């Protein structure tokens, strides 16, 4: 699978660990890293990764930072991107099977390396389910298409 991978300064070590893990598992890693300086802002780093995902240049994406929260919020502003912060394997599987999350954000300050590898494996092995989940995903996609102001 072709995986887009990026980080800010607070997720650099985790990103590097995951890049090696993904390559060992046979995935193609496409780098979208920022300069890794504390002065750089995660919205500007996650946006090119999210846009590449929305354009279909990568099949899934992963962003590593301190907590995962801010980049998930920023990435979700890009139509077609469904980002989520995940801290354990069950949610990684559920995020894909129910919501078809395509951009995973991980916090280096929240999850350790071995857990992060297990989360990523669960995320990449999961597939979207049909039935009520497909209907709900279509409702989310409709919100993307409308992008109306309140």
C-alpha atoms as a PDB file:
ATOM      1  CA  UNK A   1       0.000   0.000   0.000  1.00  0.00           C
ATOM      2  CA  UNK A   2       1.184   3.547  -0.737  1.00  0.00           C
ATOM      3  CA  UNK A   3       1.224   5.452   2.572  1.00  0.00           C
ATOM      4  CA  UNK A   4       1.784   9.184   2.979  1.00  0.00           C
ATOM      5  CA  UNK A   5       3.736   9.961   6.131  1.00  0.00           C
ATOM      6  CA  UNK A   6       4.541  13.276   7.790  1.00  0.00           C
ATOM      7  CA  UNK A   7       5.323  14.791  11.163  1.00  0.00           C
ATOM      8  CA  UNK A   8       6.096  17.975  12.966  1.00  0.00           C
ATOM      9  CA  UNK A   9       8.987  18.365  15.395  1.00  0.00           C
ATOM     10  CA  UNK A  10       7.065  16.714  18.258  1.00  0.00           C
ATOM     11  CA  UNK A  11       6.432  13.505  16.301  1.00  0.00           C
ATOM     12  CA  UNK A  12       9.713  13.068  14.446  1.00  0.00           C
ATOM     13  CA  UNK A  13      11.000  10.049  16.373  1.00  0.00           C
ATOM     14  CA  UNK A  14       7.683   8.216  16.083  1.00  0.00           C
ATOM     15  CA  UNK A  15       7.410   9.056  12.383  1.00  0.00           C
ATOM     16  CA  UNK A  16      10.890   7.651  11.716  1.00  0.00           C
ATOM     17  CA  UNK A  17      10.103   4.471  13.660  1.00  0.00           C
ATOM     18  CA  UNK A  18       6.858   4.006  11.725  1.00  0.00           C
ATOM     19  CA  UNK A  19       8.507   4.668   8.352  1.00  0.00           C
ATOM     20  CA  UNK A  20      10.927   1.811   9.004  1.00  0.00           C
ATOM     21  CA  UNK A  21       8.090  -0.419  10.263  1.00  0.00           C
ATOM     22  CA  UNK A  22       5.970   0.281   7.174  1.00  0.00           C
ATOM     23  CA  UNK A  23       8.828  -0.386   4.765  1.00  0.00           C
ATOM     24  CA  UNK A  24       9.607  -3.673   6.521  1.00  0.00           C
ATOM     25  CA  UNK A  25       5.964  -4.633   5.996  1.00  0.00           C
ATOM     26  CA  UNK A  26       6.300  -3.950   2.263  1.00  0.00           C
ATOM     27  CA  UNK A  27       4.495  -0.604   2.070  1.00  0.00           C
ATOM     28  CA  UNK A  28       5.688   2.285  -0.053  1.00  0.00           C
ATOM     29  CA  UNK A  29       6.263   5.349   2.142  1.00  0.00           C
ATOM     30  CA  UNK A  30       5.802   8.773   0.558  1.00  0.00           C
ATOM     31  CA  UNK A  31       7.395  11.512   2.660  1.00  0.00           C
ATOM     32  CA  UNK A  32       5.520  14.747   3.286  1.00  0.00           C
ATOM     33  CA  UNK A  33       7.597  15.901   6.249  1.00  0.00           C
ATOM     34  CA  UNK A  34       8.009  19.448   7.355  1.00  0.00           C
ATOM     35  CA  UNK A  35      11.299  20.948   8.502  1.00  0.00           C
ATOM     36  CA  UNK A  36      10.865  19.581  12.063  1.00  0.00           C
ATOM     37  CA  UNK A  37      11.427  22.918  13.788  1.00  0.00           C
ATOM     38  CA  UNK A  38       9.413  23.927  16.880  1.00  0.00           C
ATOM     39  CA  UNK A  39       8.726  27.205  15.075  1.00  0.00           C
ATOM     40  CA  UNK A  40       6.857  25.471  12.248  1.00  0.00           C
ATOM     41  CA  UNK A  41       3.097  25.095  12.450  1.00  0.00           C
ATOM     42  CA  UNK A  42       1.401  21.701  12.036  1.00  0.00           C
ATOM     43  CA  UNK A  43      -1.488  23.025   9.876  1.00  0.00           C
ATOM     44  CA  UNK A  44       1.064  23.986   7.228  1.00  0.00           C
ATOM     45  CA  UNK A  45       2.744  20.574   7.451  1.00  0.00           C
ATOM     46  CA  UNK A  46      -0.347  18.336   7.500  1.00  0.00           C
ATOM     47  CA  UNK A  47      -2.105  20.178   4.663  1.00  0.00           C
ATOM     48  CA  UNK A  48       0.143  18.921   1.805  1.00  0.00           C
ATOM     49  CA  UNK A  49      -0.235  15.372   3.158  1.00  0.00           C
ATOM     50  CA  UNK A  50      -4.026  15.736   3.345  1.00  0.00           C
ATOM     51  CA  UNK A  51      -4.208  17.195  -0.156  1.00  0.00           C
ATOM     52  CA  UNK A  52      -2.078  14.361  -1.565  1.00  0.00           C
ATOM     53  CA  UNK A  53      -4.486  11.908   0.059  1.00  0.00           C
ATOM     54  CA  UNK A  54      -7.545  13.730  -1.317  1.00  0.00           C
ATOM     55  CA  UNK A  55      -6.018  13.682  -4.823  1.00  0.00           C
ATOM     56  CA  UNK A  56      -5.404   9.933  -4.579  1.00  0.00           C
ATOM     57  CA  UNK A  57      -1.604  10.189  -4.644  1.00  0.00           C
ATOM     58  CA  UNK A  58      -1.486   7.964  -1.544  1.00  0.00           C
ATOM     59  CA  UNK A  59      -3.993   5.361  -0.358  1.00  0.00           C
ATOM     60  CA  UNK A  60      -3.794   6.235   3.327  1.00  0.00           C
ATOM     61  CA  UNK A  61      -1.871   8.725   5.427  1.00  0.00           C
ATOM     62  CA  UNK A  62      -0.320   9.006   8.879  1.00  0.00           C
ATOM     63  CA  UNK A  63       0.749  12.164  10.713  1.00  0.00           C
ATOM     64  CA  UNK A  64       2.794  12.111  13.913  1.00  0.00           C
ATOM     65  CA  UNK A  65       3.035  14.987  16.356  1.00  0.00           C
ATOM     66  CA  UNK A  66       2.806  15.499  20.114  1.00  0.00           C
ATOM     67  CA  UNK A  67      -0.860  14.623  20.634  1.00  0.00           C
ATOM     68  CA  UNK A  68      -2.410  14.119  17.172  1.00  0.00           C
ATOM     69  CA  UNK A  69      -5.288  16.463  17.952  1.00  0.00           C
ATOM     70  CA  UNK A  70      -4.464  19.667  16.061  1.00  0.00           C
ATOM     71  CA  UNK A  71      -3.409  17.994  12.809  1.00  0.00           C
ATOM     72  CA  UNK A  72      -6.602  15.904  12.779  1.00  0.00           C
ATOM     73  CA  UNK A  73      -8.687  19.061  13.070  1.00  0.00           C
ATOM     74  CA  UNK A  74      -6.686  20.790  10.318  1.00  0.00           C
ATOM     75  CA  UNK A  75      -6.710  17.771   7.965  1.00  0.00           C
ATOM     76  CA  UNK A  76     -10.471  17.403   8.298  1.00  0.00           C
ATOM     77  CA  UNK A  77     -10.859  20.800   6.614  1.00  0.00           C
ATOM     78  CA  UNK A  78      -9.716  19.215   3.323  1.00  0.00           C
ATOM     79  CA  UNK A  79     -12.686  17.683   1.446  1.00  0.00           C
ATOM     80  CA  UNK A  80     -12.342  13.920   1.114  1.00  0.00           C
ATOM     81  CA  UNK A  81     -10.087  13.578   4.141  1.00  0.00           C
ATOM     82  CA  UNK A  82     -11.385  11.780   7.196  1.00  0.00           C
ATOM     83  CA  UNK A  83      -8.784  12.136   9.929  1.00  0.00           C
ATOM     84  CA  UNK A  84      -8.902  10.747  13.454  1.00  0.00           C
ATOM     85  CA  UNK A  85      -6.673  10.665  16.507  1.00  0.00           C
ATOM     86  CA  UNK A  86      -6.260   7.072  17.641  1.00  0.00           C
ATOM     87  CA  UNK A  87      -4.598   5.757  20.806  1.00  0.00           C
ATOM     88  CA  UNK A  88      -5.284   2.012  20.614  1.00  0.00           C
ATOM     89  CA  UNK A  89      -5.894  -0.783  18.109  1.00  0.00           C
ATOM     90  CA  UNK A  90      -9.674  -1.226  18.513  1.00  0.00           C
ATOM     91  CA  UNK A  91     -10.362   2.393  17.549  1.00  0.00           C
ATOM     92  CA  UNK A  92      -7.970   2.120  14.603  1.00  0.00           C
ATOM     93  CA  UNK A  93      -9.984  -0.792  13.193  1.00  0.00           C
ATOM     94  CA  UNK A  94     -13.324   0.834  14.002  1.00  0.00           C
ATOM     95  CA  UNK A  95     -12.276   4.173  12.492  1.00  0.00           C
ATOM     96  CA  UNK A  96     -11.741   2.473   9.142  1.00  0.00           C
ATOM     97  CA  UNK A  97     -14.517  -0.135   9.232  1.00  0.00           C
ATOM     98  CA  UNK A  98     -17.215   2.335  10.289  1.00  0.00           C
ATOM     99  CA  UNK A  99     -16.040   5.776   9.089  1.00  0.00           C
ATOM    100  CA  UNK A 100     -13.389   4.913   6.466  1.00  0.00           C
ATOM    101  CA  UNK A 101     -10.818   7.131   8.179  1.00  0.00           C
ATOM    102  CA  UNK A 102      -8.011   7.663   5.699  1.00  0.00           C
ATOM    103  CA  UNK A 103      -5.631   9.857   7.720  1.00  0.00           C
ATOM    104  CA  UNK A 104      -4.470   8.600  11.091  1.00  0.00           C
ATOM    105  CA  UNK A 105      -2.900  11.016  13.561  1.00  0.00           C
ATOM    106  CA  UNK A 106      -0.736   9.719  16.382  1.00  0.00           C
ATOM    107  CA  UNK A 107       0.704  11.528  19.377  1.00  0.00           C
ATOM    108  CA  UNK A 108       4.292  10.686  20.239  1.00  0.00           C
ATOM    109  CA  UNK A 109       3.662  12.019  23.758  1.00  0.00           C
ATOM    110  CA  UNK A 110       0.620   9.734  24.090  1.00  0.00           C
ATOM    111  CA  UNK A 111       1.533   6.347  22.570  1.00  0.00           C
ATOM    112  CA  UNK A 112       4.810   4.473  22.685  1.00  0.00           C
ATOM    113  CA  UNK A 113       6.552   3.009  19.670  1.00  0.00           C
ATOM    114  CA  UNK A 114       5.348  -0.580  19.971  1.00  0.00           C
ATOM    115  CA  UNK A 115       1.750   0.464  20.539  1.00  0.00           C
ATOM    116  CA  UNK A 116       1.980   2.884  17.600  1.00  0.00           C
ATOM    117  CA  UNK A 117       3.136   0.049  15.332  1.00  0.00           C
ATOM    118  CA  UNK A 118       0.175  -2.091  16.453  1.00  0.00           C
ATOM    119  CA  UNK A 119      -2.219   0.816  15.877  1.00  0.00           C
ATOM    120  CA  UNK A 120      -0.838   1.389  12.380  1.00  0.00           C
ATOM    121  CA  UNK A 121      -1.088  -2.317  11.534  1.00  0.00           C
ATOM    122  CA  UNK A 122      -4.735  -2.398  12.659  1.00  0.00           C
ATOM    123  CA  UNK A 123      -5.469   0.795  10.677  1.00  0.00           C
ATOM    124  CA  UNK A 124      -3.938  -0.559   7.481  1.00  0.00           C
ATOM    125  CA  UNK A 125      -5.528  -4.019   7.737  1.00  0.00           C
ATOM    126  CA  UNK A 126      -9.053  -2.704   8.336  1.00  0.00           C
ATOM    127  CA  UNK A 127     -11.552  -2.276   5.491  1.00  0.00           C
ATOM    128  CA  UNK A 128     -14.804  -0.285   5.351  1.00  0.00           C
ATOM    129  CA  UNK A 129     -17.946  -2.257   6.192  1.00  0.00           C
ATOM    130  CA  UNK A 130     -21.221  -1.981   4.304  1.00  0.00           C
ATOM    131  CA  UNK A 131     -24.776  -1.625   5.569  1.00  0.00           C
ATOM    132  CA  UNK A 132     -25.523   1.169   7.996  1.00  0.00           C
ATOM    133  CA  UNK A 133     -21.860   2.201   8.013  1.00  0.00           C
ATOM    134  CA  UNK A 134     -21.882   2.809   4.251  1.00  0.00           C
ATOM    135  CA  UNK A 135     -25.037   4.904   4.625  1.00  0.00           C
ATOM    136  CA  UNK A 136     -23.415   6.989   7.357  1.00  0.00           C
ATOM    137  CA  UNK A 137     -20.228   7.457   5.342  1.00  0.00           C
ATOM    138  CA  UNK A 138     -22.354   8.786   2.485  1.00  0.00           C
ATOM    139  CA  UNK A 139     -23.975  11.246   4.883  1.00  0.00           C
ATOM    140  CA  UNK A 140     -20.510  12.441   5.928  1.00  0.00           C
ATOM    141  CA  UNK A 141     -19.469  12.738   2.267  1.00  0.00           C
ATOM    142  CA  UNK A 142     -22.551  14.877   1.630  1.00  0.00           C
ATOM    143  CA  UNK A 143     -21.407  17.258   4.363  1.00  0.00           C
ATOM    144  CA  UNK A 144     -18.061  17.501   2.558  1.00  0.00           C
ATOM    145  CA  UNK A 145     -19.789  18.338  -0.701  1.00  0.00           C
ATOM    146  CA  UNK A 146     -21.917  21.059   0.873  1.00  0.00           C
ATOM    147  CA  UNK A 147     -19.308  22.714   3.137  1.00  0.00           C
ATOM    148  CA  UNK A 148     -21.885  25.282   4.121  1.00  0.00           C
ATOM    149  CA  UNK A 149     -21.377  28.029   6.663  1.00  0.00           C
ATOM    150  CA  UNK A 150     -23.639  28.019   9.672  1.00  0.00           C
END
